[in-house]
C-alpha atoms as a PDB file:
ATOM      1  CA  PRO A   1      -8.095  -7.081  32.754  1.00  0.00           C
ATOM      2  CA  LEU A   2      -6.064  -7.634  29.591  1.00  0.00           C
ATOM      3  CA  ARG A   3      -9.133  -8.896  27.785  1.00  0.00           C
ATOM      4  CA  ALA A   4     -11.109  -5.835  28.899  1.00  0.00           C
ATOM      5  CA  GLU A   5      -8.400  -3.498  27.571  1.00  0.00           C
ATOM      6  CA  MET A   6      -8.420  -5.286  24.213  1.00  0.00           C
ATOM      7  CA  ASP A   7     -12.216  -5.006  23.990  1.00  0.00           C
ATOM      8  CA  GLU A   8     -12.090  -1.294  24.815  1.00  0.00           C
ATOM      9  CA  SER A   9      -9.394  -0.546  22.227  1.00  0.00           C
ATOM     10  CA  LYS A  10     -11.266  -2.326  19.431  1.00  0.00           C
ATOM     11  CA  PRO A  11     -13.806   0.493  18.749  1.00  0.00           C
ATOM     12  CA  LEU A  12     -10.953   3.008  18.632  1.00  0.00           C
ATOM     13  CA  LYS A  13      -9.111   0.905  16.044  1.00  0.00           C
ATOM     14  CA  VAL A  14     -12.307   0.564  14.004  1.00  0.00           C
ATOM     15  CA  ARG A  15     -12.811   4.348  14.020  1.00  0.00           C
ATOM     16  CA  LEU A  16      -9.188   4.875  12.998  1.00  0.00           C
ATOM     17  CA  ALA A  17      -9.549   2.419  10.092  1.00  0.00           C
ATOM     18  CA  LEU A  18     -12.785   4.109   8.994  1.00  0.00           C
ATOM     19  CA  ALA A  19     -11.110   7.541   9.125  1.00  0.00           C
ATOM     20  CA  VAL A  20      -8.310   6.351   6.840  1.00  0.00           C
ATOM     21  CA  ILE A  21     -10.861   4.701   4.541  1.00  0.00           C
ATOM     22  CA  LEU A  22     -12.695   8.041   4.329  1.00  0.00           C
ATOM     23  CA  VAL A  23      -9.474   9.650   3.116  1.00  0.00           C
ATOM     24  CA  GLY A  24      -9.122   6.857   0.541  1.00  0.00           C
ATOM     25  CA  ILE A  25     -12.678   7.443  -0.695  1.00  0.00           C
ATOM     26  CA  SER A  26     -11.982  11.168  -1.035  1.00  0.00           C
ATOM     27  CA  LEU A  27      -8.885  10.439  -3.122  1.00  0.00           C
ATOM     28  CA  LEU A  28     -10.898   7.977  -5.202  1.00  0.00           C
ATOM     29  CA  PHE A  29     -13.578  10.551  -6.019  1.00  0.00           C
ATOM     30  CA  ALA A  30     -10.903  13.166  -6.771  1.00  0.00           C
ATOM     31  CA  ALA A  31      -9.205  10.799  -9.230  1.00  0.00           C
ATOM     32  CA  VAL A  32     -12.438   9.816 -10.979  1.00  0.00           C
ATOM     33  CA  VAL A  33     -13.781  13.337 -11.569  1.00  0.00           C
ATOM     34  CA  THR A  34     -10.531  15.123 -12.501  1.00  0.00           C
ATOM     35  CA  ASP A  35      -8.701  15.182 -15.826  1.00  0.00           C
ATOM     36  CA  HIS A  36      -5.049  14.955 -14.827  1.00  0.00           C
ATOM     37  CA  TRP A  37      -4.294  11.243 -15.112  1.00  0.00           C
ATOM     38  CA  ALA A  38      -1.694  11.701 -17.855  1.00  0.00           C
ATOM     39  CA  VAL A  39      -0.001  14.594 -19.649  1.00  0.00           C
ATOM     40  CA  LEU A  40       1.018  14.162 -23.299  1.00  0.00           C
ATOM     41  CA  SER A  41       3.558  16.155 -25.297  1.00  0.00           C
ATOM     42  CA  PRO A  42       3.940  16.147 -29.118  1.00  0.00           C
ATOM     43  CA  SER A  43       7.065  16.212 -31.226  1.00  0.00           C
ATOM     44  CA  LEU A  44       8.392  19.719 -31.784  1.00  0.00           C
ATOM     45  CA  GLU A  45       9.649  21.339 -34.942  1.00  0.00           C
ATOM     46  CA  GLU A  46      12.782  23.436 -34.930  1.00  0.00           C
ATOM     47  CA  ASN A  47      11.190  26.805 -35.657  1.00  0.00           C
ATOM     48  CA  THR A  48       8.016  26.329 -33.677  1.00  0.00           C
ATOM     49  CA  THR A  49       6.907  29.042 -31.262  1.00  0.00           C
ATOM     50  CA  SER A  50       4.007  27.150 -29.702  1.00  0.00           C
ATOM     51  CA  CYS A  51       2.997  23.587 -29.007  1.00  0.00           C
ATOM     52  CA  GLU A  52      -0.184  21.776 -28.052  1.00  0.00           C
ATOM     53  CA  ALA A  53       0.067  19.655 -24.926  1.00  0.00           C
ATOM     54  CA  ALA A  54      -2.798  17.567 -23.590  1.00  0.00           C
ATOM     55  CA  HIS A  55      -3.957  16.089 -20.327  1.00  0.00           C
ATOM     56  CA  PHE A  56      -6.864  13.726 -19.874  1.00  0.00           C
ATOM     57  CA  GLY A  57      -8.780  11.668 -17.373  1.00  0.00           C
ATOM     58  CA  LEU A  58     -11.476   9.038 -17.544  1.00  0.00           C
ATOM     59  CA  TRP A  59     -14.057  11.268 -19.201  1.00  0.00           C
ATOM     60  CA  ARG A  60     -12.485  14.326 -20.812  1.00  0.00           C
ATOM     61  CA  LEU A  61      -9.523  15.386 -22.896  1.00  0.00           C
ATOM     62  CA  CYS A  62      -8.073  18.863 -22.429  1.00  0.00           C
ATOM     63  CA  THR A  63      -5.652  20.432 -24.879  1.00  0.00           C
ATOM     64  CA  LYS A  64      -3.596  23.543 -24.271  1.00  0.00           C
ATOM     65  CA  ARG A  65      -1.650  25.600 -26.813  1.00  0.00           C
ATOM     66  CA  ILE A  66       1.426  26.784 -24.989  1.00  0.00           C
ATOM     67  CA  PHE A  67       3.547  29.615 -26.315  1.00  0.00           C
ATOM     68  CA  MET A  68       7.118  28.508 -25.822  1.00  0.00           C
ATOM     69  CA  GLN A  69       9.902  30.744 -24.599  1.00  0.00           C
ATOM     70  CA  GLU A  70      13.389  30.812 -26.046  1.00  0.00           C
ATOM     71  CA  GLN A  71      15.576  28.171 -24.430  1.00  0.00           C
ATOM     72  CA  GLY A  72      19.301  27.676 -24.587  1.00  0.00           C
ATOM     73  CA  ALA A  73      19.120  23.901 -24.711  1.00  0.00           C
ATOM     74  CA  LYS A  74      18.984  22.176 -28.077  1.00  0.00           C
ATOM     75  CA  GLU A  75      16.214  19.842 -27.014  1.00  0.00           C
ATOM     76  CA  LYS A  76      12.918  21.562 -26.442  1.00  0.00           C
ATOM     77  CA  SER A  77       9.964  20.149 -24.605  1.00  0.00           C
ATOM     78  CA  CYS A  78       6.326  21.129 -24.670  1.00  0.00           C
ATOM     79  CA  GLY A  79       5.332  22.236 -21.233  1.00  0.00           C
ATOM     80  CA  PRO A  80       4.910  22.118 -18.396  1.00  0.00           C
ATOM     81  CA  ILE A  81       1.161  22.032 -18.765  1.00  0.00           C
ATOM     82  CA  SER A  82       0.837  24.729 -16.076  1.00  0.00           C
ATOM     83  CA  LEU A  83       2.161  27.400 -18.457  1.00  0.00           C
ATOM     84  CA  PRO A  84      -0.441  29.920 -19.721  1.00  0.00           C
ATOM     85  CA  GLY A  85      -2.138  29.229 -23.025  1.00  0.00           C
ATOM     86  CA  ASP A  86      -5.430  28.630 -24.830  1.00  0.00           C
ATOM     87  CA  HIS A  87      -7.248  25.867 -22.968  1.00  0.00           C
ATOM     88  CA  ASN A  88      -9.959  23.637 -24.448  1.00  0.00           C
ATOM     89  CA  CYS A  89     -11.670  20.604 -22.873  1.00  0.00           C
ATOM     90  CA  SER A  90     -14.139  18.185 -24.449  1.00  0.00           C
ATOM     91  CA  TYR A  91     -15.727  14.926 -23.376  1.00  0.00           C
ATOM     92  CA  PHE A  92     -14.700  11.808 -25.246  1.00  0.00           C
ATOM     93  CA  LYS A  93     -16.766  11.133 -28.329  1.00  0.00           C
ATOM     94  CA  HIS A  94     -17.799   7.654 -27.170  1.00  0.00           C
ATOM     95  CA  PHE A  95     -19.357   9.165 -24.021  1.00  0.00           C
ATOM     96  CA  THR A  96     -21.087  12.140 -25.666  1.00  0.00           C
ATOM     97  CA  PRO A  97     -21.992  11.731 -29.373  1.00  0.00           C
ATOM     98  CA  GLY A  98     -21.165  14.864 -31.287  1.00  0.00           C
ATOM     99  CA  GLU A  99     -18.007  15.714 -29.373  1.00  0.00           C
ATOM    100  CA  THR A 100     -14.707  15.319 -31.170  1.00  0.00           C
ATOM    101  CA  SER A 101     -11.553  13.852 -29.670  1.00  0.00           C
ATOM    102  CA  GLU A 102      -9.122  12.813 -32.367  1.00  0.00           C
ATOM    103  CA  ILE A 103      -6.693  11.387 -29.866  1.00  0.00           C
ATOM    104  CA  PHE A 104      -9.161   8.593 -29.047  1.00  0.00           C
ATOM    105  CA  GLU A 105     -10.422   7.903 -32.548  1.00  0.00           C
ATOM    106  CA  VAL A 106      -8.351   4.694 -32.630  1.00  0.00           C
ATOM    107  CA  THR A 107     -10.560   1.727 -31.754  1.00  0.00           C
ATOM    108  CA  THR A 108      -8.050   0.288 -29.306  1.00  0.00           C
ATOM    109  CA  GLN A 109      -7.831   3.539 -27.362  1.00  0.00           C
ATOM    110  CA  LYS A 110     -11.610   3.792 -27.252  1.00  0.00           C
ATOM    111  CA  GLU A 111     -11.866   0.310 -25.737  1.00  0.00           C
ATOM    112  CA  TYR A 112      -9.206   1.099 -23.140  1.00  0.00           C
ATOM    113  CA  SER A 113     -10.902   4.370 -22.222  1.00  0.00           C
ATOM    114  CA  ILE A 114     -14.347   2.810 -21.825  1.00  0.00           C
ATOM    115  CA  SER A 115     -12.913  -0.092 -19.796  1.00  0.00           C
ATOM    116  CA  ALA A 116     -11.001   2.190 -17.409  1.00  0.00           C
ATOM    117  CA  ALA A 117     -14.060   4.392 -16.862  1.00  0.00           C
ATOM    118  CA  ALA A 118     -16.395   1.430 -16.305  1.00  0.00           C
ATOM    119  CA  ILE A 119     -14.078  -0.228 -13.784  1.00  0.00           C
ATOM    120  CA  ALA A 120     -13.668   3.089 -11.947  1.00  0.00           C
ATOM    121  CA  ILE A 121     -17.468   3.358 -11.711  1.00  0.00           C
ATOM    122  CA  PHE A 122     -17.548  -0.105 -10.106  1.00  0.00           C
ATOM    123  CA  SER A 123     -14.957   1.138  -7.608  1.00  0.00           C
ATOM    124  CA  VAL A 124     -17.095   4.160  -6.733  1.00  0.00           C
ATOM    125  CA  GLY A 125     -20.163   1.924  -6.407  1.00  0.00           C
ATOM    126  CA  PHE A 126     -18.411  -0.484  -4.039  1.00  0.00           C
ATOM    127  CA  SER A 127     -17.195   2.403  -1.872  1.00  0.00           C
ATOM    128  CA  ILE A 128     -20.710   3.873  -1.672  1.00  0.00           C
ATOM    129  CA  ILE A 129     -22.241   0.511  -0.698  1.00  0.00           C
ATOM    130  CA  GLY A 130     -19.509   0.021   1.906  1.00  0.00           C
ATOM    131  CA  THR A 131     -20.210   3.453   3.388  1.00  0.00           C
ATOM    132  CA  ILE A 132     -23.935   2.672   3.583  1.00  0.00           C
ATOM    133  CA  CYS A 133     -23.132  -0.542   5.479  1.00  0.00           C
ATOM    134  CA  VAL A 134     -20.910   1.389   7.900  1.00  0.00           C
ATOM    135  CA  LEU A 135     -23.616   3.984   8.559  1.00  0.00           C
ATOM    136  CA  LEU A 136     -26.183   1.241   9.199  1.00  0.00           C
ATOM    137  CA  SER A 137     -23.774  -0.521  11.578  1.00  0.00           C
ATOM    138  CA  PHE A 138     -23.852   2.509  13.909  1.00  0.00           C
ATOM    139  CA  ARG A 139     -27.564   1.970  14.544  1.00  0.00           C
ATOM    140  CA  LYS A 140     -28.450  -0.472  17.347  1.00  0.00           C
ATOM    141  CA  LYS A 141     -24.848  -1.756  17.333  1.00  0.00           C
ATOM    142  CA  ARG A 142     -25.110  -3.791  14.153  1.00  0.00           C
ATOM    143  CA  ASP A 143     -21.387  -4.555  14.130  1.00  0.00           C
ATOM    144  CA  TYR A 144     -21.879  -7.509  11.788  1.00  0.00           C
ATOM    145  CA  LEU A 145     -22.343  -5.023   8.928  1.00  0.00           C
ATOM    146  CA  LEU A 146     -18.683  -4.015   9.234  1.00  0.00           C
ATOM    147  CA  LYS A 147     -17.660  -7.318   7.625  1.00  0.00           C
ATOM    148  CA  PRO A 148     -19.447  -6.735   4.274  1.00  0.00           C
ATOM    149  CA  ALA A 149     -18.409  -3.067   4.417  1.00  0.00           C
ATOM    150  CA  SER A 150     -14.749  -4.055   4.680  1.00  0.00           C
ATOM    151  CA  MET A 151     -15.116  -6.402   1.713  1.00  0.00           C
ATOM    152  CA  PHE A 152     -16.752  -3.665  -0.387  1.00  0.00           C
ATOM    153  CA  TYR A 153     -13.890  -1.292   0.425  1.00  0.00           C
ATOM    154  CA  THR A 154     -11.364  -3.952  -0.527  1.00  0.00           C
ATOM    155  CA  PHE A 155     -13.159  -4.569  -3.833  1.00  0.00           C
ATOM    156  CA  ALA A 156     -13.205  -0.794  -4.449  1.00  0.00           C
ATOM    157  CA  GLY A 157      -9.435  -0.680  -4.007  1.00  0.00           C
ATOM    158  CA  LEU A 158      -8.915  -3.596  -6.382  1.00  0.00           C
ATOM    159  CA  CYS A 159     -11.160  -2.031  -9.033  1.00  0.00           C
ATOM    160  CA  ILE A 160      -9.391   1.324  -8.979  1.00  0.00           C
ATOM    161  CA  ILE A 161      -5.936  -0.252  -9.312  1.00  0.00           C
ATOM    162  CA  ILE A 162      -7.222  -2.282 -12.296  1.00  0.00           C
ATOM    163  CA  SER A 163      -8.503   0.968 -13.795  1.00  0.00           C
ATOM    164  CA  VAL A 164      -5.060   2.508 -13.195  1.00  0.00           C
ATOM    165  CA  GLU A 165      -3.361  -0.372 -15.011  1.00  0.00           C
ATOM    166  CA  VAL A 166      -5.783  -0.133 -17.951  1.00  0.00           C
ATOM    167  CA  MET A 167      -5.074   3.584 -18.192  1.00  0.00           C
ATOM    168  CA  ARG A 168      -1.330   2.954 -18.014  1.00  0.00           C
ATOM    169  CA  GLN A 169      -1.523   0.459 -20.870  1.00  0.00           C
ATOM    170  CA  SER A 170      -3.659   2.911 -22.836  1.00  0.00           C
ATOM    171  CA  VAL A 171      -1.063   5.684 -22.517  1.00  0.00           C
ATOM    172  CA  LYS A 172       1.762   3.311 -23.431  1.00  0.00           C
ATOM    173  CA  ARG A 173      -0.006   2.099 -26.575  1.00  0.00           C
ATOM    174  CA  MET A 174      -0.872   5.669 -27.485  1.00  0.00           C
ATOM    175  CA  ILE A 175       2.772   6.737 -27.331  1.00  0.00           C
ATOM    176  CA  ASP A 176       3.934   3.678 -29.287  1.00  0.00           C
ATOM    177  CA  SER A 177       1.270   4.118 -31.978  1.00  0.00           C
ATOM    178  CA  LYS A 178       2.179   5.880 -35.216  1.00  0.00           C
ATOM    179  CA  GLU A 179      -1.372   7.190 -35.542  1.00  0.00           C
ATOM    180  CA  THR A 180      -0.904   9.754 -32.769  1.00  0.00           C
ATOM    181  CA  ALA A 181       1.420  12.751 -32.626  1.00  0.00           C
ATOM    182  CA  TRP A 182       2.351  12.256 -28.980  1.00  0.00           C
ATOM    183  CA  ILE A 183       5.891  11.144 -28.180  1.00  0.00           C
ATOM    184  CA  LYS A 184       6.267  11.963 -24.467  1.00  0.00           C
ATOM    185  CA  TYR A 185       4.052  11.399 -21.489  1.00  0.00           C
ATOM    186  CA  SER A 186       3.980  11.753 -17.735  1.00  0.00           C
ATOM    187  CA  TYR A 187       1.471  10.775 -15.093  1.00  0.00           C
ATOM    188  CA  SER A 188      -0.073  13.572 -13.078  1.00  0.00           C
ATOM    189  CA  TRP A 189      -1.736  14.091  -9.713  1.00  0.00           C
ATOM    190  CA  SER A 190      -5.062  12.391 -10.538  1.00  0.00           C
ATOM    191  CA  PHE A 191      -3.104   9.216 -11.307  1.00  0.00           C
ATOM    192  CA  ALA A 192      -1.310   9.576  -7.958  1.00  0.00           C
ATOM    193  CA  CYS A 193      -4.659  10.028  -6.168  1.00  0.00           C
ATOM    194  CA  ALA A 194      -5.951   6.792  -7.725  1.00  0.00           C
ATOM    195  CA  CYS A 195      -2.850   4.851  -6.628  1.00  0.00           C
ATOM    196  CA  ALA A 196      -3.020   6.284  -3.105  1.00  0.00           C
ATOM    197  CA  SER A 197      -6.730   5.446  -2.825  1.00  0.00           C
ATOM    198  CA  PHE A 198      -5.969   1.845  -3.773  1.00  0.00           C
ATOM    199  CA  VAL A 199      -3.413   1.529  -0.970  1.00  0.00           C
ATOM    200  CA  LEU A 200      -5.688   3.077   1.655  1.00  0.00           C
ATOM    201  CA  LEU A 201      -8.877   1.250   0.637  1.00  0.00           C
ATOM    202  CA  PHE A 202      -7.268  -2.149   0.186  1.00  0.00           C
ATOM    203  CA  VAL A 203      -5.069  -2.137   3.305  1.00  0.00           C
ATOM    204  CA  CYS A 204      -7.644  -0.562   5.608  1.00  0.00           C
ATOM    205  CA  GLY A 205     -10.408  -2.733   4.148  1.00  0.00           C
ATOM    206  CA  ILE A 206      -8.450  -5.841   5.157  1.00  0.00           C
ATOM    207  CA  ALA A 207      -7.676  -4.275   8.546  1.00  0.00           C
ATOM    208  CA  LEU A 208     -11.359  -3.482   9.122  1.00  0.00           C
ATOM    209  CA  LEU A 209     -12.286  -7.061   8.248  1.00  0.00           C
ATOM    210  CA  LEU A 210      -9.814  -8.416  10.785  1.00  0.00           C
ATOM    211  CA  LEU A 211     -11.138  -6.021  13.439  1.00  0.00           C
ATOM    212  CA  ALA A 212     -14.741  -6.984  12.694  1.00  0.00           C
ATOM    213  CA  LEU A 213     -14.068 -10.699  13.092  1.00  0.00           C
ATOM    214  CA  PRO A 214     -14.818 -12.210  16.503  1.00  0.00           C
ATOM    215  CA  ARG A 215     -11.873 -12.501  18.856  1.00  0.00           C
ATOM    216  CA  PHE A 216     -10.261 -15.914  18.893  1.00  0.00           C
ATOM    217  CA  PRO A 217      -9.454 -17.522  22.265  1.00  0.00           C
ATOM    218  CA  GLN A 218      -6.002 -16.532  23.443  1.00  0.00           C
ATOM    219  CA  ASN A 219      -5.687 -19.378  25.953  1.00  0.00           C
ATOM    220  CA  PRO A 220      -6.779 -23.029  25.843  1.00  0.00           C
ATOM    221  CA  TRP A 221      -9.176 -22.563  28.768  1.00  0.00           C
ATOM    222  CA  GLU A 222     -11.162 -19.782  27.038  1.00  0.00           C
ATOM    223  CA  THR A 223     -14.359 -21.318  25.695  1.00  0.00           C
ATOM    224  CA  CYS A 224     -17.640 -20.165  24.316  1.00  0.00           C
ATOM    225  CA  MET A 225     -19.014 -20.171  27.862  1.00  0.00           C
ATOM    226  CA  ASP A 226     -16.742 -17.259  28.705  1.00  0.00           C
ATOM    227  CA  ALA A 227     -18.412 -14.992  26.198  1.00  0.00           C
ATOM    228  CA  GLU A 228     -20.735 -12.308  27.523  1.00  0.00           C
ATOM    229  CA  PRO A 229     -24.423 -12.833  26.710  1.00  0.00           C
ATOM    230  CA  GLU A 230     -25.720 -10.748  23.824  1.00  0.00           C
ATOM    231  CA  HIS A 231     -28.412  -8.192  24.611  1.00  0.00           C
END
């Protein structure tokens, strides 16, 4: 009876893991296509009435000229980026020849940007292949396809966290560089979506792999002869 209950609960656990993985894939796609990985603020002059903040993602850079209000504090900051202002977005020059993006003219930043985007594409590819394996596993009870699907989801999680780290290093070098005017930065909601997708894809990918593995004997007297014949 205990063994029967465990066998009946296994499909429910698999569906639960797949539901959480679906949320992770949604967060992954949201992070890849949006432009709010990091927000950059420039140094401000004393008599300035406006400032140009920027936010960017894997593909585009968006700048926004914000008209600042009078503040009582001595230290002024440019932002938040949600304030109204003239908004302009352009794809990075190394992705679309002819577009200008001075912030990524530095060779090092270009390499970081291309690397982060390429690794994120691998993550999306792994998640798509994993989803195809899951869909095929529903036909004629091909449960063995859940094992490669779980590995693809795990690889997708690892790729997106590597992309996150590359982006983090890119922002840090950009702030430390004297060739850029940016002195402050903060990570935004696209960055948070990427981190959350890593947790969900990696953890649930491992969980799905463990659920897809055959059940090990719980007692010494359970042998291969006890297994039900396959139809």
